[in-house]
Amino acid sequence: MMDWPPQSPDLNPIEQFWGKLENKLDRSVVHSKESLWLEVQKAWDNISVEVLRKNTDTMPERCAAVIAAKAGHTKY
């Protein structure tokens, strides 16, 4: 169990993956919702478990940084 500040910036590691997906999608040409969905799925499938683990393993450090910053901005 980790201490989690109640009013902290978003500590959800998924936010970093949205950025990775967005970068990949910027290079893709989509013409419909269906093709966009297929591109998002393809990009997500190409994110390795190691990358996911690396980001989620930093949660204790992220929480400590937010607590130290009194729920203010951190490098995360």
N, C-alpha and C. Protein backbone atom coordinates (compact mmCIF):
# COMPACT_ATOMS: atom_id res chain seq x y z
N MET A 1 0.85 -1.18 0.00
CA MET A 1 0.00 0.00 0.00
C MET A 1 0.89 1.23 0.00
N MET A 2 0.56 2.19 -0.86
CA MET A 2 1.34 3.43 -0.95
C MET A 2 0.48 4.59 -0.49
N ASP A 3 1.12 5.59 0.12
CA ASP A 3 0.42 6.85 0.40
C ASP A 3 0.19 7.53 -0.93
N TRP A 4 -1.01 8.06 -1.12
CA TRP A 4 -1.36 8.71 -2.38
C TRP A 4 -2.01 10.04 -2.06
N PRO A 5 -1.37 11.14 -2.40
CA PRO A 5 -1.96 12.45 -2.07
C PRO A 5 -3.34 12.59 -2.72
N PRO A 6 -4.32 13.06 -1.96
CA PRO A 6 -5.68 13.13 -2.49
C PRO A 6 -5.86 14.17 -3.59
N GLN A 7 -5.06 15.22 -3.60
CA GLN A 7 -5.21 16.25 -4.62
C GLN A 7 -3.89 16.47 -5.32
N SER A 8 -3.46 15.45 -6.02
CA SER A 8 -2.18 15.51 -6.70
C SER A 8 -2.38 15.60 -8.20
N PRO A 9 -1.34 15.98 -8.93
CA PRO A 9 -1.43 15.88 -10.40
C PRO A 9 -1.70 14.43 -10.77
N ASP A 10 -2.11 14.22 -11.97
CA ASP A 10 -2.43 12.88 -12.41
C ASP A 10 -1.20 11.99 -12.34
N LEU A 11 -1.27 10.96 -11.51
CA LEU A 11 -0.15 10.03 -11.36
C LEU A 11 -0.36 8.75 -12.15
N ASN A 12 -1.33 8.74 -13.01
CA ASN A 12 -1.65 7.54 -13.76
C ASN A 12 -0.61 7.32 -14.86
N PRO A 13 0.11 6.20 -14.82
CA PRO A 13 1.15 5.98 -15.83
C PRO A 13 0.60 5.88 -17.26
N ILE A 14 -0.68 5.65 -17.42
CA ILE A 14 -1.25 5.54 -18.77
C ILE A 14 -1.07 6.85 -19.55
N GLU A 15 -0.96 7.97 -18.84
CA GLU A 15 -0.80 9.26 -19.52
C GLU A 15 0.44 9.28 -20.40
N GLN A 16 1.52 8.63 -19.96
CA GLN A 16 2.74 8.59 -20.77
C GLN A 16 2.51 7.79 -22.05
N PHE A 17 1.69 6.76 -21.96
CA PHE A 17 1.43 5.93 -23.14
C PHE A 17 0.55 6.65 -24.14
N TRP A 18 -0.34 7.51 -23.67
CA TRP A 18 -1.13 8.31 -24.61
C TRP A 18 -0.21 9.17 -25.46
N GLY A 19 0.84 9.71 -24.84
CA GLY A 19 1.80 10.51 -25.60
C GLY A 19 2.52 9.68 -26.65
N LYS A 20 2.92 8.46 -26.28
CA LYS A 20 3.58 7.58 -27.24
C LYS A 20 2.64 7.24 -28.39
N LEU A 21 1.38 6.95 -28.06
CA LEU A 21 0.40 6.64 -29.10
C LEU A 21 0.17 7.84 -30.01
N GLU A 22 0.07 9.00 -29.40
CA GLU A 22 -0.16 10.22 -30.18
C GLU A 22 0.98 10.46 -31.17
N ASN A 23 2.21 10.27 -30.71
CA ASN A 23 3.36 10.45 -31.60
C ASN A 23 3.32 9.50 -32.78
N LYS A 24 2.96 8.25 -32.53
CA LYS A 24 2.87 7.28 -33.62
C LYS A 24 1.73 7.63 -34.57
N LEU A 25 0.62 8.11 -34.01
CA LEU A 25 -0.53 8.43 -34.84
C LEU A 25 -0.32 9.69 -35.67
N ASP A 26 0.54 10.59 -35.22
CA ASP A 26 0.83 11.80 -35.99
C ASP A 26 1.40 11.45 -37.36
N ARG A 27 2.06 10.31 -37.44
CA ARG A 27 2.66 9.90 -38.71
C ARG A 27 1.71 9.05 -39.55
N SER A 28 0.56 8.70 -38.99
CA SER A 28 -0.40 7.85 -39.69
C SER A 28 -1.44 8.71 -40.39
N VAL A 29 -1.87 8.25 -41.53
CA VAL A 29 -2.94 8.93 -42.26
C VAL A 29 -4.21 8.12 -42.03
N VAL A 30 -5.20 8.75 -41.43
CA VAL A 30 -6.46 8.07 -41.18
C VAL A 30 -7.58 8.88 -41.82
N HIS A 31 -8.56 8.16 -42.33
CA HIS A 31 -9.66 8.81 -43.02
C HIS A 31 -11.02 8.50 -42.41
N SER A 32 -11.02 7.70 -41.35
CA SER A 32 -12.30 7.34 -40.72
C SER A 32 -12.05 6.93 -39.27
N LYS A 33 -13.13 6.87 -38.51
CA LYS A 33 -13.02 6.41 -37.12
C LYS A 33 -12.49 4.98 -37.07
N GLU A 34 -12.93 4.18 -38.00
CA GLU A 34 -12.51 2.78 -38.03
C GLU A 34 -11.01 2.65 -38.27
N SER A 35 -10.49 3.43 -39.23
CA SER A 35 -9.06 3.35 -39.50
C SER A 35 -8.24 3.94 -38.34
N LEU A 36 -8.77 4.96 -37.70
CA LEU A 36 -8.11 5.50 -36.51
C LEU A 36 -8.04 4.44 -35.42
N TRP A 37 -9.14 3.76 -35.19
CA TRP A 37 -9.19 2.72 -34.16
C TRP A 37 -8.17 1.62 -34.47
N LEU A 38 -8.08 1.21 -35.73
CA LEU A 38 -7.12 0.18 -36.11
C LEU A 38 -5.69 0.65 -35.87
N GLU A 39 -5.40 1.91 -36.18
CA GLU A 39 -4.06 2.46 -35.96
C GLU A 39 -3.73 2.53 -34.47
N VAL A 40 -4.70 2.93 -33.64
CA VAL A 40 -4.48 2.99 -32.19
C VAL A 40 -4.20 1.58 -31.67
N GLN A 41 -4.99 0.62 -32.10
CA GLN A 41 -4.77 -0.77 -31.65
C GLN A 41 -3.38 -1.27 -32.07
N LYS A 42 -2.99 -0.99 -33.29
CA LYS A 42 -1.69 -1.43 -33.79
C LYS A 42 -0.56 -0.78 -32.98
N ALA A 43 -0.68 0.52 -32.72
CA ALA A 43 0.34 1.22 -31.94
C ALA A 43 0.42 0.67 -30.52
N TRP A 44 -0.74 0.43 -29.90
CA TRP A 44 -0.76 -0.09 -28.53
C TRP A 44 -0.13 -1.47 -28.48
N ASP A 45 -0.44 -2.31 -29.46
CA ASP A 45 0.12 -3.66 -29.50
C ASP A 45 1.64 -3.65 -29.65
N ASN A 46 2.20 -2.56 -30.15
CA ASN A 46 3.64 -2.46 -30.34
C ASN A 46 4.39 -1.90 -29.14
N ILE A 47 3.69 -1.60 -28.06
CA ILE A 47 4.34 -1.15 -26.83
C ILE A 47 4.69 -2.40 -26.02
N SER A 48 5.95 -2.57 -25.71
CA SER A 48 6.40 -3.79 -25.04
C SER A 48 6.02 -3.80 -23.57
N VAL A 49 5.97 -5.01 -23.04
CA VAL A 49 5.70 -5.20 -21.61
C VAL A 49 6.79 -4.53 -20.79
N GLU A 50 8.01 -4.55 -21.29
CA GLU A 50 9.12 -3.93 -20.56
C GLU A 50 8.91 -2.42 -20.41
N VAL A 51 8.40 -1.79 -21.46
CA VAL A 51 8.12 -0.34 -21.39
C VAL A 51 7.00 -0.08 -20.40
N LEU A 52 5.96 -0.89 -20.43
CA LEU A 52 4.86 -0.74 -19.47
C LEU A 52 5.37 -0.91 -18.05
N ARG A 53 6.16 -1.93 -17.83
CA ARG A 53 6.69 -2.21 -16.49
C ARG A 53 7.59 -1.08 -16.02
N LYS A 54 8.43 -0.57 -16.91
CA LYS A 54 9.36 0.51 -16.53
C LYS A 54 8.58 1.71 -16.00
N ASN A 55 7.50 2.05 -16.67
CA ASN A 55 6.72 3.21 -16.23
C ASN A 55 5.94 2.95 -14.95
N THR A 56 5.36 1.78 -14.80
CA THR A 56 4.59 1.50 -13.59
C THR A 56 5.50 1.28 -12.39
N ASP A 57 6.72 0.80 -12.61
CA ASP A 57 7.65 0.58 -11.50
C ASP A 57 8.09 1.89 -10.85
N THR A 58 7.89 3.02 -11.52
CA THR A 58 8.30 4.31 -10.95
C THR A 58 7.23 4.92 -10.03
N MET A 59 6.11 4.23 -9.84
CA MET A 59 5.03 4.82 -9.04
C MET A 59 5.44 5.21 -7.62
N PRO A 60 6.21 4.39 -6.89
CA PRO A 60 6.63 4.85 -5.56
C PRO A 60 7.42 6.15 -5.60
N GLU A 61 8.32 6.29 -6.59
CA GLU A 61 9.09 7.53 -6.71
C GLU A 61 8.20 8.70 -7.10
N ARG A 62 7.23 8.44 -7.96
CA ARG A 62 6.29 9.49 -8.37
C ARG A 62 5.49 9.99 -7.17
N CYS A 63 4.98 9.05 -6.39
CA CYS A 63 4.20 9.44 -5.20
C CYS A 63 5.05 10.22 -4.21
N ALA A 64 6.29 9.76 -4.00
CA ALA A 64 7.18 10.48 -3.07
C ALA A 64 7.46 11.89 -3.58
N ALA A 65 7.64 12.05 -4.89
CA ALA A 65 7.90 13.38 -5.45
C ALA A 65 6.69 14.29 -5.28
N VAL A 66 5.50 13.76 -5.48
CA VAL A 66 4.28 14.57 -5.32
C VAL A 66 4.09 14.95 -3.86
N ILE A 67 4.35 14.02 -2.96
CA ILE A 67 4.24 14.32 -1.52
C ILE A 67 5.26 15.40 -1.14
N ALA A 68 6.49 15.26 -1.62
CA ALA A 68 7.54 16.24 -1.32
C ALA A 68 7.17 17.61 -1.89
N ALA A 69 6.49 17.62 -3.03
CA ALA A 69 6.08 18.89 -3.66
C ALA A 69 4.75 19.39 -3.11
N LYS A 70 4.25 18.73 -2.07
CA LYS A 70 2.96 19.09 -1.45
C LYS A 70 1.85 19.16 -2.51
N ALA A 71 1.83 18.09 -3.35
CA ALA A 71 0.83 17.91 -4.40
C ALA A 71 1.01 18.92 -5.53
N GLY A 72 2.16 19.55 -5.60
CA GLY A 72 2.44 20.48 -6.69
C GLY A 72 3.08 19.76 -7.87
N HIS A 73 3.67 20.53 -8.74
CA HIS A 73 4.28 19.98 -9.95
C HIS A 73 5.56 19.21 -9.61
N THR A 74 5.80 18.16 -10.37
CA THR A 74 7.02 17.36 -10.25
C THR A 74 7.59 17.16 -11.65
N LYS A 75 8.69 16.48 -11.74
CA LYS A 75 9.28 16.18 -13.05
C LYS A 75 8.48 15.13 -13.80
N TYR A 76 7.55 14.50 -13.11
CA TYR A 76 6.75 13.47 -13.76
C TYR A 76 5.54 14.09 -14.40
